[in-house]
PDBML (XML) file of the C-alpha atoms, coordinates in Angstrom:
<?xml version="1.0" encoding="UTF-8" ?>
<PDBx:datablock datablockName="MODEL"
   xmlns:PDBx="http://pdbml.pdb.org/schema/pdbx-v50.xsd"
   xmlns:xsi="http://www.w3.org/2001/XMLSchema-instance"
   xsi:schemaLocation="http://pdbml.pdb.org/schema/pdbx-v50.xsd pdbx-v50.xsd">
   <PDBx:atom_siteCategory>
      <PDBx:atom_site id="1">
         <PDBx:B_iso_or_equiv>0.00</PDBx:B_iso_or_equiv>
         <PDBx:Cartn_x>20.513</PDBx:Cartn_x>
         <PDBx:Cartn_y>-106.635</PDBx:Cartn_y>
         <PDBx:Cartn_z>-132.886</PDBx:Cartn_z>
         <PDBx:auth_asym_id>A</PDBx:auth_asym_id>
         <PDBx:auth_atom_id>CA</PDBx:auth_atom_id>
         <PDBx:auth_comp_id>TYR</PDBx:auth_comp_id>
         <PDBx:auth_seq_id>1</PDBx:auth_seq_id>
         <PDBx:group_PDB>ATOM</PDBx:group_PDB>
         <PDBx:label_alt_id xsi:nil="true" />
         <PDBx:label_asym_id>A</PDBx:label_asym_id>
         <PDBx:label_atom_id>CA</PDBx:label_atom_id>
         <PDBx:label_comp_id>TYR</PDBx:label_comp_id>
         <PDBx:label_entity_id>1</PDBx:label_entity_id>
         <PDBx:label_seq_id>1</PDBx:label_seq_id>
         <PDBx:occupancy>1.00</PDBx:occupancy>
         <PDBx:pdbx_PDB_model_num>1</PDBx:pdbx_PDB_model_num>
         <PDBx:type_symbol>C</PDBx:type_symbol>
      </PDBx:atom_site>
      <PDBx:atom_site id="2">
         <PDBx:B_iso_or_equiv>0.00</PDBx:B_iso_or_equiv>
         <PDBx:Cartn_x>17.729</PDBx:Cartn_x>
         <PDBx:Cartn_y>-104.533</PDBx:Cartn_y>
         <PDBx:Cartn_z>-134.388</PDBx:Cartn_z>
         <PDBx:auth_asym_id>A</PDBx:auth_asym_id>
         <PDBx:auth_atom_id>CA</PDBx:auth_atom_id>
         <PDBx:auth_comp_id>LEU</PDBx:auth_comp_id>
         <PDBx:auth_seq_id>2</PDBx:auth_seq_id>
         <PDBx:group_PDB>ATOM</PDBx:group_PDB>
         <PDBx:label_alt_id xsi:nil="true" />
         <PDBx:label_asym_id>A</PDBx:label_asym_id>
         <PDBx:label_atom_id>CA</PDBx:label_atom_id>
         <PDBx:label_comp_id>LEU</PDBx:label_comp_id>
         <PDBx:label_entity_id>1</PDBx:label_entity_id>
         <PDBx:label_seq_id>2</PDBx:label_seq_id>
         <PDBx:occupancy>1.00</PDBx:occupancy>
         <PDBx:pdbx_PDB_model_num>1</PDBx:pdbx_PDB_model_num>
         <PDBx:type_symbol>C</PDBx:type_symbol>
      </PDBx:atom_site>
      <PDBx:atom_site id="3">
         <PDBx:B_iso_or_equiv>0.00</PDBx:B_iso_or_equiv>
         <PDBx:Cartn_x>14.824</PDBx:Cartn_x>
         <PDBx:Cartn_y>-104.076</PDBx:Cartn_y>
         <PDBx:Cartn_z>-131.963</PDBx:Cartn_z>
         <PDBx:auth_asym_id>A</PDBx:auth_asym_id>
         <PDBx:auth_atom_id>CA</PDBx:auth_atom_id>
         <PDBx:auth_comp_id>VAL</PDBx:auth_comp_id>
         <PDBx:auth_seq_id>3</PDBx:auth_seq_id>
         <PDBx:group_PDB>ATOM</PDBx:group_PDB>
         <PDBx:label_alt_id xsi:nil="true" />
         <PDBx:label_asym_id>A</PDBx:label_asym_id>
         <PDBx:label_atom_id>CA</PDBx:label_atom_id>
         <PDBx:label_comp_id>VAL</PDBx:label_comp_id>
         <PDBx:label_entity_id>1</PDBx:label_entity_id>
         <PDBx:label_seq_id>3</PDBx:label_seq_id>
         <PDBx:occupancy>1.00</PDBx:occupancy>
         <PDBx:pdbx_PDB_model_num>1</PDBx:pdbx_PDB_model_num>
         <PDBx:type_symbol>C</PDBx:type_symbol>
      </PDBx:atom_site>
      <PDBx:atom_site id="4">
         <PDBx:B_iso_or_equiv>0.00</PDBx:B_iso_or_equiv>
         <PDBx:Cartn_x>11.616</PDBx:Cartn_x>
         <PDBx:Cartn_y>-102.506</PDBx:Cartn_y>
         <PDBx:Cartn_z>-133.258</PDBx:Cartn_z>
         <PDBx:auth_asym_id>A</PDBx:auth_asym_id>
         <PDBx:auth_atom_id>CA</PDBx:auth_atom_id>
         <PDBx:auth_comp_id>LEU</PDBx:auth_comp_id>
         <PDBx:auth_seq_id>4</PDBx:auth_seq_id>
         <PDBx:group_PDB>ATOM</PDBx:group_PDB>
         <PDBx:label_alt_id xsi:nil="true" />
         <PDBx:label_asym_id>A</PDBx:label_asym_id>
         <PDBx:label_atom_id>CA</PDBx:label_atom_id>
         <PDBx:label_comp_id>LEU</PDBx:label_comp_id>
         <PDBx:label_entity_id>1</PDBx:label_entity_id>
         <PDBx:label_seq_id>4</PDBx:label_seq_id>
         <PDBx:occupancy>1.00</PDBx:occupancy>
         <PDBx:pdbx_PDB_model_num>1</PDBx:pdbx_PDB_model_num>
         <PDBx:type_symbol>C</PDBx:type_symbol>
      </PDBx:atom_site>
      <PDBx:atom_site id="5">
         <PDBx:B_iso_or_equiv>0.00</PDBx:B_iso_or_equiv>
         <PDBx:Cartn_x>9.222</PDBx:Cartn_x>
         <PDBx:Cartn_y>-100.707</PDBx:Cartn_y>
         <PDBx:Cartn_z>-130.913</PDBx:Cartn_z>
         <PDBx:auth_asym_id>A</PDBx:auth_asym_id>
         <PDBx:auth_atom_id>CA</PDBx:auth_atom_id>
         <PDBx:auth_comp_id>ASP</PDBx:auth_comp_id>
         <PDBx:auth_seq_id>5</PDBx:auth_seq_id>
         <PDBx:group_PDB>ATOM</PDBx:group_PDB>
         <PDBx:label_alt_id xsi:nil="true" />
         <PDBx:label_asym_id>A</PDBx:label_asym_id>
         <PDBx:label_atom_id>CA</PDBx:label_atom_id>
         <PDBx:label_comp_id>ASP</PDBx:label_comp_id>
         <PDBx:label_entity_id>1</PDBx:label_entity_id>
         <PDBx:label_seq_id>5</PDBx:label_seq_id>
         <PDBx:occupancy>1.00</PDBx:occupancy>
         <PDBx:pdbx_PDB_model_num>1</PDBx:pdbx_PDB_model_num>
         <PDBx:type_symbol>C</PDBx:type_symbol>
      </PDBx:atom_site>
      <PDBx:atom_site id="6">
         <PDBx:B_iso_or_equiv>0.00</PDBx:B_iso_or_equiv>
         <PDBx:Cartn_x>6.443</PDBx:Cartn_x>
         <PDBx:Cartn_y>-102.579</PDBx:Cartn_y>
         <PDBx:Cartn_z>-132.698</PDBx:Cartn_z>
         <PDBx:auth_asym_id>A</PDBx:auth_asym_id>
         <PDBx:auth_atom_id>CA</PDBx:auth_atom_id>
         <PDBx:auth_comp_id>TRP</PDBx:auth_comp_id>
         <PDBx:auth_seq_id>6</PDBx:auth_seq_id>
         <PDBx:group_PDB>ATOM</PDBx:group_PDB>
         <PDBx:label_alt_id xsi:nil="true" />
         <PDBx:label_asym_id>A</PDBx:label_asym_id>
         <PDBx:label_atom_id>CA</PDBx:label_atom_id>
         <PDBx:label_comp_id>TRP</PDBx:label_comp_id>
         <PDBx:label_entity_id>1</PDBx:label_entity_id>
         <PDBx:label_seq_id>6</PDBx:label_seq_id>
         <PDBx:occupancy>1.00</PDBx:occupancy>
         <PDBx:pdbx_PDB_model_num>1</PDBx:pdbx_PDB_model_num>
         <PDBx:type_symbol>C</PDBx:type_symbol>
      </PDBx:atom_site>
      <PDBx:atom_site id="7">
         <PDBx:B_iso_or_equiv>0.00</PDBx:B_iso_or_equiv>
         <PDBx:Cartn_x>3.643</PDBx:Cartn_x>
         <PDBx:Cartn_y>-102.891</PDBx:Cartn_y>
         <PDBx:Cartn_z>-130.125</PDBx:Cartn_z>
         <PDBx:auth_asym_id>A</PDBx:auth_asym_id>
         <PDBx:auth_atom_id>CA</PDBx:auth_atom_id>
         <PDBx:auth_comp_id>ASN</PDBx:auth_comp_id>
         <PDBx:auth_seq_id>7</PDBx:auth_seq_id>
         <PDBx:group_PDB>ATOM</PDBx:group_PDB>
         <PDBx:label_alt_id xsi:nil="true" />
         <PDBx:label_asym_id>A</PDBx:label_asym_id>
         <PDBx:label_atom_id>CA</PDBx:label_atom_id>
         <PDBx:label_comp_id>ASN</PDBx:label_comp_id>
         <PDBx:label_entity_id>1</PDBx:label_entity_id>
         <PDBx:label_seq_id>7</PDBx:label_seq_id>
         <PDBx:occupancy>1.00</PDBx:occupancy>
         <PDBx:pdbx_PDB_model_num>1</PDBx:pdbx_PDB_model_num>
         <PDBx:type_symbol>C</PDBx:type_symbol>
      </PDBx:atom_site>
      <PDBx:atom_site id="8">
         <PDBx:B_iso_or_equiv>0.00</PDBx:B_iso_or_equiv>
         <PDBx:Cartn_x>3.688</PDBx:Cartn_x>
         <PDBx:Cartn_y>-99.370</PDBx:Cartn_y>
         <PDBx:Cartn_z>-128.713</PDBx:Cartn_z>
         <PDBx:auth_asym_id>A</PDBx:auth_asym_id>
         <PDBx:auth_atom_id>CA</PDBx:auth_atom_id>
         <PDBx:auth_comp_id>TRP</PDBx:auth_comp_id>
         <PDBx:auth_seq_id>8</PDBx:auth_seq_id>
         <PDBx:group_PDB>ATOM</PDBx:group_PDB>
         <PDBx:label_alt_id xsi:nil="true" />
         <PDBx:label_asym_id>A</PDBx:label_asym_id>
         <PDBx:label_atom_id>CA</PDBx:label_atom_id>
         <PDBx:label_comp_id>TRP</PDBx:label_comp_id>
         <PDBx:label_entity_id>1</PDBx:label_entity_id>
         <PDBx:label_seq_id>8</PDBx:label_seq_id>
         <PDBx:occupancy>1.00</PDBx:occupancy>
         <PDBx:pdbx_PDB_model_num>1</PDBx:pdbx_PDB_model_num>
         <PDBx:type_symbol>C</PDBx:type_symbol>
      </PDBx:atom_site>
      <PDBx:atom_site id="9">
         <PDBx:B_iso_or_equiv>0.00</PDBx:B_iso_or_equiv>
         <PDBx:Cartn_x>0.789</PDBx:Cartn_x>
         <PDBx:Cartn_y>-97.121</PDBx:Cartn_y>
         <PDBx:Cartn_z>-129.781</PDBx:Cartn_z>
         <PDBx:auth_asym_id>A</PDBx:auth_asym_id>
         <PDBx:auth_atom_id>CA</PDBx:auth_atom_id>
         <PDBx:auth_comp_id>ARG</PDBx:auth_comp_id>
         <PDBx:auth_seq_id>9</PDBx:auth_seq_id>
         <PDBx:group_PDB>ATOM</PDBx:group_PDB>
         <PDBx:label_alt_id xsi:nil="true" />
         <PDBx:label_asym_id>A</PDBx:label_asym_id>
         <PDBx:label_atom_id>CA</PDBx:label_atom_id>
         <PDBx:label_comp_id>ARG</PDBx:label_comp_id>
         <PDBx:label_entity_id>1</PDBx:label_entity_id>
         <PDBx:label_seq_id>9</PDBx:label_seq_id>
         <PDBx:occupancy>1.00</PDBx:occupancy>
         <PDBx:pdbx_PDB_model_num>1</PDBx:pdbx_PDB_model_num>
         <PDBx:type_symbol>C</PDBx:type_symbol>
      </PDBx:atom_site>
      <PDBx:atom_site id="10">
         <PDBx:B_iso_or_equiv>0.00</PDBx:B_iso_or_equiv>
         <PDBx:Cartn_x>0.412</PDBx:Cartn_x>
         <PDBx:Cartn_y>-93.357</PDBx:Cartn_y>
         <PDBx:Cartn_z>-129.715</PDBx:Cartn_z>
         <PDBx:auth_asym_id>A</PDBx:auth_asym_id>
         <PDBx:auth_atom_id>CA</PDBx:auth_atom_id>
         <PDBx:auth_comp_id>ASP</PDBx:auth_comp_id>
         <PDBx:auth_seq_id>10</PDBx:auth_seq_id>
         <PDBx:group_PDB>ATOM</PDBx:group_PDB>
         <PDBx:label_alt_id xsi:nil="true" />
         <PDBx:label_asym_id>A</PDBx:label_asym_id>
         <PDBx:label_atom_id>CA</PDBx:label_atom_id>
         <PDBx:label_comp_id>ASP</PDBx:label_comp_id>
         <PDBx:label_entity_id>1</PDBx:label_entity_id>
         <PDBx:label_seq_id>10</PDBx:label_seq_id>
         <PDBx:occupancy>1.00</PDBx:occupancy>
         <PDBx:pdbx_PDB_model_num>1</PDBx:pdbx_PDB_model_num>
         <PDBx:type_symbol>C</PDBx:type_symbol>
      </PDBx:atom_site>
      <PDBx:atom_site id="11">
         <PDBx:B_iso_or_equiv>0.00</PDBx:B_iso_or_equiv>
         <PDBx:Cartn_x>-2.631</PDBx:Cartn_x>
         <PDBx:Cartn_y>-91.336</PDBx:Cartn_y>
         <PDBx:Cartn_z>-128.599</PDBx:Cartn_z>
         <PDBx:auth_asym_id>A</PDBx:auth_asym_id>
         <PDBx:auth_atom_id>CA</PDBx:auth_atom_id>
         <PDBx:auth_comp_id>GLN</PDBx:auth_comp_id>
         <PDBx:auth_seq_id>11</PDBx:auth_seq_id>
         <PDBx:group_PDB>ATOM</PDBx:group_PDB>
         <PDBx:label_alt_id xsi:nil="true" />
         <PDBx:label_asym_id>A</PDBx:label_asym_id>
         <PDBx:label_atom_id>CA</PDBx:label_atom_id>
         <PDBx:label_comp_id>GLN</PDBx:label_comp_id>
         <PDBx:label_entity_id>1</PDBx:label_entity_id>
         <PDBx:label_seq_id>11</PDBx:label_seq_id>
         <PDBx:occupancy>1.00</PDBx:occupancy>
         <PDBx:pdbx_PDB_model_num>1</PDBx:pdbx_PDB_model_num>
         <PDBx:type_symbol>C</PDBx:type_symbol>
      </PDBx:atom_site>
      <PDBx:atom_site id="12">
         <PDBx:B_iso_or_equiv>0.00</PDBx:B_iso_or_equiv>
         <PDBx:Cartn_x>-4.474</PDBx:Cartn_x>
         <PDBx:Cartn_y>-92.334</PDBx:Cartn_y>
         <PDBx:Cartn_z>-131.793</PDBx:Cartn_z>
         <PDBx:auth_asym_id>A</PDBx:auth_asym_id>
         <PDBx:auth_atom_id>CA</PDBx:auth_atom_id>
         <PDBx:auth_comp_id>LYS</PDBx:auth_comp_id>
         <PDBx:auth_seq_id>12</PDBx:auth_seq_id>
         <PDBx:group_PDB>ATOM</PDBx:group_PDB>
         <PDBx:label_alt_id xsi:nil="true" />
         <PDBx:label_asym_id>A</PDBx:label_asym_id>
         <PDBx:label_atom_id>CA</PDBx:label_atom_id>
         <PDBx:label_comp_id>LYS</PDBx:label_comp_id>
         <PDBx:label_entity_id>1</PDBx:label_entity_id>
         <PDBx:label_seq_id>12</PDBx:label_seq_id>
         <PDBx:occupancy>1.00</PDBx:occupancy>
         <PDBx:pdbx_PDB_model_num>1</PDBx:pdbx_PDB_model_num>
         <PDBx:type_symbol>C</PDBx:type_symbol>
      </PDBx:atom_site>
      <PDBx:atom_site id="13">
         <PDBx:B_iso_or_equiv>0.00</PDBx:B_iso_or_equiv>
         <PDBx:Cartn_x>-3.652</PDBx:Cartn_x>
         <PDBx:Cartn_y>-95.998</PDBx:Cartn_y>
         <PDBx:Cartn_z>-131.095</PDBx:Cartn_z>
         <PDBx:auth_asym_id>A</PDBx:auth_asym_id>
         <PDBx:auth_atom_id>CA</PDBx:auth_atom_id>
         <PDBx:auth_comp_id>LEU</PDBx:auth_comp_id>
         <PDBx:auth_seq_id>13</PDBx:auth_seq_id>
         <PDBx:group_PDB>ATOM</PDBx:group_PDB>
         <PDBx:label_alt_id xsi:nil="true" />
         <PDBx:label_asym_id>A</PDBx:label_asym_id>
         <PDBx:label_atom_id>CA</PDBx:label_atom_id>
         <PDBx:label_comp_id>LEU</PDBx:label_comp_id>
         <PDBx:label_entity_id>1</PDBx:label_entity_id>
         <PDBx:label_seq_id>13</PDBx:label_seq_id>
         <PDBx:occupancy>1.00</PDBx:occupancy>
         <PDBx:pdbx_PDB_model_num>1</PDBx:pdbx_PDB_model_num>
         <PDBx:type_symbol>C</PDBx:type_symbol>
      </PDBx:atom_site>
      <PDBx:atom_site id="14">
         <PDBx:B_iso_or_equiv>0.00</PDBx:B_iso_or_equiv>
         <PDBx:Cartn_x>-1.324</PDBx:Cartn_x>
         <PDBx:Cartn_y>-96.161</PDBx:Cartn_y>
         <PDBx:Cartn_z>-134.102</PDBx:Cartn_z>
         <PDBx:auth_asym_id>A</PDBx:auth_asym_id>
         <PDBx:auth_atom_id>CA</PDBx:auth_atom_id>
         <PDBx:auth_comp_id>ARG</PDBx:auth_comp_id>
         <PDBx:auth_seq_id>14</PDBx:auth_seq_id>
         <PDBx:group_PDB>ATOM</PDBx:group_PDB>
         <PDBx:label_alt_id xsi:nil="true" />
         <PDBx:label_asym_id>A</PDBx:label_asym_id>
         <PDBx:label_atom_id>CA</PDBx:label_atom_id>
         <PDBx:label_comp_id>ARG</PDBx:label_comp_id>
         <PDBx:label_entity_id>1</PDBx:label_entity_id>
         <PDBx:label_seq_id>14</PDBx:label_seq_id>
         <PDBx:occupancy>1.00</PDBx:occupancy>
         <PDBx:pdbx_PDB_model_num>1</PDBx:pdbx_PDB_model_num>
         <PDBx:type_symbol>C</PDBx:type_symbol>
      </PDBx:atom_site>
      <PDBx:atom_site id="15">
         <PDBx:B_iso_or_equiv>0.00</PDBx:B_iso_or_equiv>
         <PDBx:Cartn_x>1.722</PDBx:Cartn_x>
         <PDBx:Cartn_y>-98.374</PDBx:Cartn_y>
         <PDBx:Cartn_z>-134.172</PDBx:Cartn_z>
         <PDBx:auth_asym_id>A</PDBx:auth_asym_id>
         <PDBx:auth_atom_id>CA</PDBx:auth_atom_id>
         <PDBx:auth_comp_id>ARG</PDBx:auth_comp_id>
         <PDBx:auth_seq_id>15</PDBx:auth_seq_id>
         <PDBx:group_PDB>ATOM</PDBx:group_PDB>
         <PDBx:label_alt_id xsi:nil="true" />
         <PDBx:label_asym_id>A</PDBx:label_asym_id>
         <PDBx:label_atom_id>CA</PDBx:label_atom_id>
         <PDBx:label_comp_id>ARG</PDBx:label_comp_id>
         <PDBx:label_entity_id>1</PDBx:label_entity_id>
         <PDBx:label_seq_id>15</PDBx:label_seq_id>
         <PDBx:occupancy>1.00</PDBx:occupancy>
         <PDBx:pdbx_PDB_model_num>1</PDBx:pdbx_PDB_model_num>
         <PDBx:type_symbol>C</PDBx:type_symbol>
      </PDBx:atom_site>
      <PDBx:atom_site id="16">
         <PDBx:B_iso_or_equiv>0.00</PDBx:B_iso_or_equiv>
         <PDBx:Cartn_x>4.980</PDBx:Cartn_x>
         <PDBx:Cartn_y>-97.424</PDBx:Cartn_y>
         <PDBx:Cartn_z>-135.809</PDBx:Cartn_z>
         <PDBx:auth_asym_id>A</PDBx:auth_asym_id>
         <PDBx:auth_atom_id>CA</PDBx:auth_atom_id>
         <PDBx:auth_comp_id>MET</PDBx:auth_comp_id>
         <PDBx:auth_seq_id>16</PDBx:auth_seq_id>
         <PDBx:group_PDB>ATOM</PDBx:group_PDB>
         <PDBx:label_alt_id xsi:nil="true" />
         <PDBx:label_asym_id>A</PDBx:label_asym_id>
         <PDBx:label_atom_id>CA</PDBx:label_atom_id>
         <PDBx:label_comp_id>MET</PDBx:label_comp_id>
         <PDBx:label_entity_id>1</PDBx:label_entity_id>
         <PDBx:label_seq_id>16</PDBx:label_seq_id>
         <PDBx:occupancy>1.00</PDBx:occupancy>
         <PDBx:pdbx_PDB_model_num>1</PDBx:pdbx_PDB_model_num>
         <PDBx:type_symbol>C</PDBx:type_symbol>
      </PDBx:atom_site>
      <PDBx:atom_site id="17">
         <PDBx:B_iso_or_equiv>0.00</PDBx:B_iso_or_equiv>
         <PDBx:Cartn_x>4.023</PDBx:Cartn_x>
         <PDBx:Cartn_y>-99.392</PDBx:Cartn_y>
         <PDBx:Cartn_z>-138.919</PDBx:Cartn_z>
         <PDBx:auth_asym_id>A</PDBx:auth_asym_id>
         <PDBx:auth_atom_id>CA</PDBx:auth_atom_id>
         <PDBx:auth_comp_id>ALA</PDBx:auth_comp_id>
         <PDBx:auth_seq_id>17</PDBx:auth_seq_id>
         <PDBx:group_PDB>ATOM</PDBx:group_PDB>
         <PDBx:label_alt_id xsi:nil="true" />
         <PDBx:label_asym_id>A</PDBx:label_asym_id>
         <PDBx:label_atom_id>CA</PDBx:label_atom_id>
         <PDBx:label_comp_id>ALA</PDBx:label_comp_id>
         <PDBx:label_entity_id>1</PDBx:label_entity_id>
         <PDBx:label_seq_id>17</PDBx:label_seq_id>
         <PDBx:occupancy>1.00</PDBx:occupancy>
         <PDBx:pdbx_PDB_model_num>1</PDBx:pdbx_PDB_model_num>
         <PDBx:type_symbol>C</PDBx:type_symbol>
      </PDBx:atom_site>
      <PDBx:atom_site id="18">
         <PDBx:B_iso_or_equiv>0.00</PDBx:B_iso_or_equiv>
         <PDBx:Cartn_x>0.601</PDBx:Cartn_x>
         <PDBx:Cartn_y>-97.676</PDBx:Cartn_y>
         <PDBx:Cartn_z>-139.131</PDBx:Cartn_z>
         <PDBx:auth_asym_id>A</PDBx:auth_asym_id>
         <PDBx:auth_atom_id>CA</PDBx:auth_atom_id>
         <PDBx:auth_comp_id>ASP</PDBx:auth_comp_id>
         <PDBx:auth_seq_id>18</PDBx:auth_seq_id>
         <PDBx:group_PDB>ATOM</PDBx:group_PDB>
         <PDBx:label_alt_id xsi:nil="true" />
         <PDBx:label_asym_id>A</PDBx:label_asym_id>
         <PDBx:label_atom_id>CA</PDBx:label_atom_id>
         <PDBx:label_comp_id>ASP</PDBx:label_comp_id>
         <PDBx:label_entity_id>1</PDBx:label_entity_id>
         <PDBx:label_seq_id>18</PDBx:label_seq_id>
         <PDBx:occupancy>1.00</PDBx:occupancy>
         <PDBx:pdbx_PDB_model_num>1</PDBx:pdbx_PDB_model_num>
         <PDBx:type_symbol>C</PDBx:type_symbol>
      </PDBx:atom_site>
      <PDBx:atom_site id="19">
         <PDBx:B_iso_or_equiv>0.00</PDBx:B_iso_or_equiv>
         <PDBx:Cartn_x>2.029</PDBx:Cartn_x>
         <PDBx:Cartn_y>-94.167</PDBx:Cartn_y>
         <PDBx:Cartn_z>-139.698</PDBx:Cartn_z>
         <PDBx:auth_asym_id>A</PDBx:auth_asym_id>
         <PDBx:auth_atom_id>CA</PDBx:auth_atom_id>
         <PDBx:auth_comp_id>ILE</PDBx:auth_comp_id>
         <PDBx:auth_seq_id>19</PDBx:auth_seq_id>
         <PDBx:group_PDB>ATOM</PDBx:group_PDB>
         <PDBx:label_alt_id xsi:nil="true" />
         <PDBx:label_asym_id>A</PDBx:label_asym_id>
         <PDBx:label_atom_id>CA</PDBx:label_atom_id>
         <PDBx:label_comp_id>ILE</PDBx:label_comp_id>
         <PDBx:label_entity_id>1</PDBx:label_entity_id>
         <PDBx:label_seq_id>19</PDBx:label_seq_id>
         <PDBx:occupancy>1.00</PDBx:occupancy>
         <PDBx:pdbx_PDB_model_num>1</PDBx:pdbx_PDB_model_num>
         <PDBx:type_symbol>C</PDBx:type_symbol>
      </PDBx:atom_site>
      <PDBx:atom_site id="20">
         <PDBx:B_iso_or_equiv>0.00</PDBx:B_iso_or_equiv>
         <PDBx:Cartn_x>2.767</PDBx:Cartn_x>
         <PDBx:Cartn_y>-93.746</PDBx:Cartn_y>
         <PDBx:Cartn_z>-143.444</PDBx:Cartn_z>
         <PDBx:auth_asym_id>A</PDBx:auth_asym_id>
         <PDBx:auth_atom_id>CA</PDBx:auth_atom_id>
         <PDBx:auth_comp_id>PRO</PDBx:auth_comp_id>
         <PDBx:auth_seq_id>20</PDBx:auth_seq_id>
         <PDBx:group_PDB>ATOM</PDBx:group_PDB>
         <PDBx:label_alt_id xsi:nil="true" />
         <PDBx:label_asym_id>A</PDBx:label_asym_id>
         <PDBx:label_atom_id>CA</PDBx:label_atom_id>
         <PDBx:label_comp_id>PRO</PDBx:label_comp_id>
         <PDBx:label_entity_id>1</PDBx:label_entity_id>
         <PDBx:label_seq_id>20</PDBx:label_seq_id>
         <PDBx:occupancy>1.00</PDBx:occupancy>
         <PDBx:pdbx_PDB_model_num>1</PDBx:pdbx_PDB_model_num>
         <PDBx:type_symbol>C</PDBx:type_symbol>
      </PDBx:atom_site>
      <PDBx:atom_site id="21">
         <PDBx:B_iso_or_equiv>0.00</PDBx:B_iso_or_equiv>
         <PDBx:Cartn_x>5.818</PDBx:Cartn_x>
         <PDBx:Cartn_y>-91.448</PDBx:Cartn_y>
         <PDBx:Cartn_z>-143.105</PDBx:Cartn_z>
         <PDBx:auth_asym_id>A</PDBx:auth_asym_id>
         <PDBx:auth_atom_id>CA</PDBx:auth_atom_id>
         <PDBx:auth_comp_id>GLU</PDBx:auth_comp_id>
         <PDBx:auth_seq_id>21</PDBx:auth_seq_id>
         <PDBx:group_PDB>ATOM</PDBx:group_PDB>
         <PDBx:label_alt_id xsi:nil="true" />
         <PDBx:label_asym_id>A</PDBx:label_asym_id>
         <PDBx:label_atom_id>CA</PDBx:label_atom_id>
         <PDBx:label_comp_id>GLU</PDBx:label_comp_id>
         <PDBx:label_entity_id>1</PDBx:label_entity_id>
         <PDBx:label_seq_id>21</PDBx:label_seq_id>
         <PDBx:occupancy>1.00</PDBx:occupancy>
         <PDBx:pdbx_PDB_model_num>1</PDBx:pdbx_PDB_model_num>
         <PDBx:type_symbol>C</PDBx:type_symbol>
      </PDBx:atom_site>
      <PDBx:atom_site id="22">
         <PDBx:B_iso_or_equiv>0.00</PDBx:B_iso_or_equiv>
         <PDBx:Cartn_x>7.501</PDBx:Cartn_x>
         <PDBx:Cartn_y>-93.624</PDBx:Cartn_y>
         <PDBx:Cartn_z>-140.494</PDBx:Cartn_z>
         <PDBx:auth_asym_id>A</PDBx:auth_asym_id>
         <PDBx:auth_atom_id>CA</PDBx:auth_atom_id>
         <PDBx:auth_comp_id>ILE</PDBx:auth_comp_id>
         <PDBx:auth_seq_id>22</PDBx:auth_seq_id>
         <PDBx:group_PDB>ATOM</PDBx:group_PDB>
         <PDBx:label_alt_id xsi:nil="true" />
         <PDBx:label_asym_id>A</PDBx:label_asym_id>
         <PDBx:label_atom_id>CA</PDBx:label_atom_id>
         <PDBx:label_comp_id>ILE</PDBx:label_comp_id>
         <PDBx:label_entity_id>1</PDBx:label_entity_id>
         <PDBx:label_seq_id>22</PDBx:label_seq_id>
         <PDBx:occupancy>1.00</PDBx:occupancy>
         <PDBx:pdbx_PDB_model_num>1</PDBx:pdbx_PDB_model_num>
         <PDBx:type_symbol>C</PDBx:type_symbol>
      </PDBx:atom_site>
      <PDBx:atom_site id="23">
         <PDBx:B_iso_or_equiv>0.00</PDBx:B_iso_or_equiv>
         <PDBx:Cartn_x>6.697</PDBx:Cartn_x>
         <PDBx:Cartn_y>-96.803</PDBx:Cartn_y>
         <PDBx:Cartn_z>-142.415</PDBx:Cartn_z>
         <PDBx:auth_asym_id>A</PDBx:auth_asym_id>
         <PDBx:auth_atom_id>CA</PDBx:auth_atom_id>
         <PDBx:auth_comp_id>LYS</PDBx:auth_comp_id>
         <PDBx:auth_seq_id>23</PDBx:auth_seq_id>
         <PDBx:group_PDB>ATOM</PDBx:group_PDB>
         <PDBx:label_alt_id xsi:nil="true" />
         <PDBx:label_asym_id>A</PDBx:label_asym_id>
         <PDBx:label_atom_id>CA</PDBx:label_atom_id>
         <PDBx:label_comp_id>LYS</PDBx:label_comp_id>
         <PDBx:label_entity_id>1</PDBx:label_entity_id>
         <PDBx:label_seq_id>23</PDBx:label_seq_id>
         <PDBx:occupancy>1.00</PDBx:occupancy>
         <PDBx:pdbx_PDB_model_num>1</PDBx:pdbx_PDB_model_num>
         <PDBx:type_symbol>C</PDBx:type_symbol>
      </PDBx:atom_site>
      <PDBx:atom_site id="24">
         <PDBx:B_iso_or_equiv>0.00</PDBx:B_iso_or_equiv>
         <PDBx:Cartn_x>8.331</PDBx:Cartn_x>
         <PDBx:Cartn_y>-95.346</PDBx:Cartn_y>
         <PDBx:Cartn_z>-145.539</PDBx:Cartn_z>
         <PDBx:auth_asym_id>A</PDBx:auth_asym_id>
         <PDBx:auth_atom_id>CA</PDBx:auth_atom_id>
         <PDBx:auth_comp_id>LEU</PDBx:auth_comp_id>
         <PDBx:auth_seq_id>24</PDBx:auth_seq_id>
         <PDBx:group_PDB>ATOM</PDBx:group_PDB>
         <PDBx:label_alt_id xsi:nil="true" />
         <PDBx:label_asym_id>A</PDBx:label_asym_id>
         <PDBx:label_atom_id>CA</PDBx:label_atom_id>
         <PDBx:label_comp_id>LEU</PDBx:label_comp_id>
         <PDBx:label_entity_id>1</PDBx:label_entity_id>
         <PDBx:label_seq_id>24</PDBx:label_seq_id>
         <PDBx:occupancy>1.00</PDBx:occupancy>
         <PDBx:pdbx_PDB_model_num>1</PDBx:pdbx_PDB_model_num>
         <PDBx:type_symbol>C</PDBx:type_symbol>
      </PDBx:atom_site>
      <PDBx:atom_site id="25">
         <PDBx:B_iso_or_equiv>0.00</PDBx:B_iso_or_equiv>
         <PDBx:Cartn_x>11.497</PDBx:Cartn_x>
         <PDBx:Cartn_y>-94.379</PDBx:Cartn_y>
         <PDBx:Cartn_z>-143.626</PDBx:Cartn_z>
         <PDBx:auth_asym_id>A</PDBx:auth_asym_id>
         <PDBx:auth_atom_id>CA</PDBx:auth_atom_id>
         <PDBx:auth_comp_id>ASP</PDBx:auth_comp_id>
         <PDBx:auth_seq_id>25</PDBx:auth_seq_id>
         <PDBx:group_PDB>ATOM</PDBx:group_PDB>
         <PDBx:label_alt_id xsi:nil="true" />
         <PDBx:label_asym_id>A</PDBx:label_asym_id>
         <PDBx:label_atom_id>CA</PDBx:label_atom_id>
         <PDBx:label_comp_id>ASP</PDBx:label_comp_id>
         <PDBx:label_entity_id>1</PDBx:label_entity_id>
         <PDBx:label_seq_id>25</PDBx:label_seq_id>
         <PDBx:occupancy>1.00</PDBx:occupancy>
         <PDBx:pdbx_PDB_model_num>1</PDBx:pdbx_PDB_model_num>
         <PDBx:type_symbol>C</PDBx:type_symbol>
      </PDBx:atom_site>
   </PDBx:atom_siteCategory>
</PDBx:datablock>
């Protein structure tokens, strides 16, 4: 099972997939 913390947003309301460095990794 691979679970992605997809819907959580940081203080700038960015998801994990919205941050370029994290998306690349």
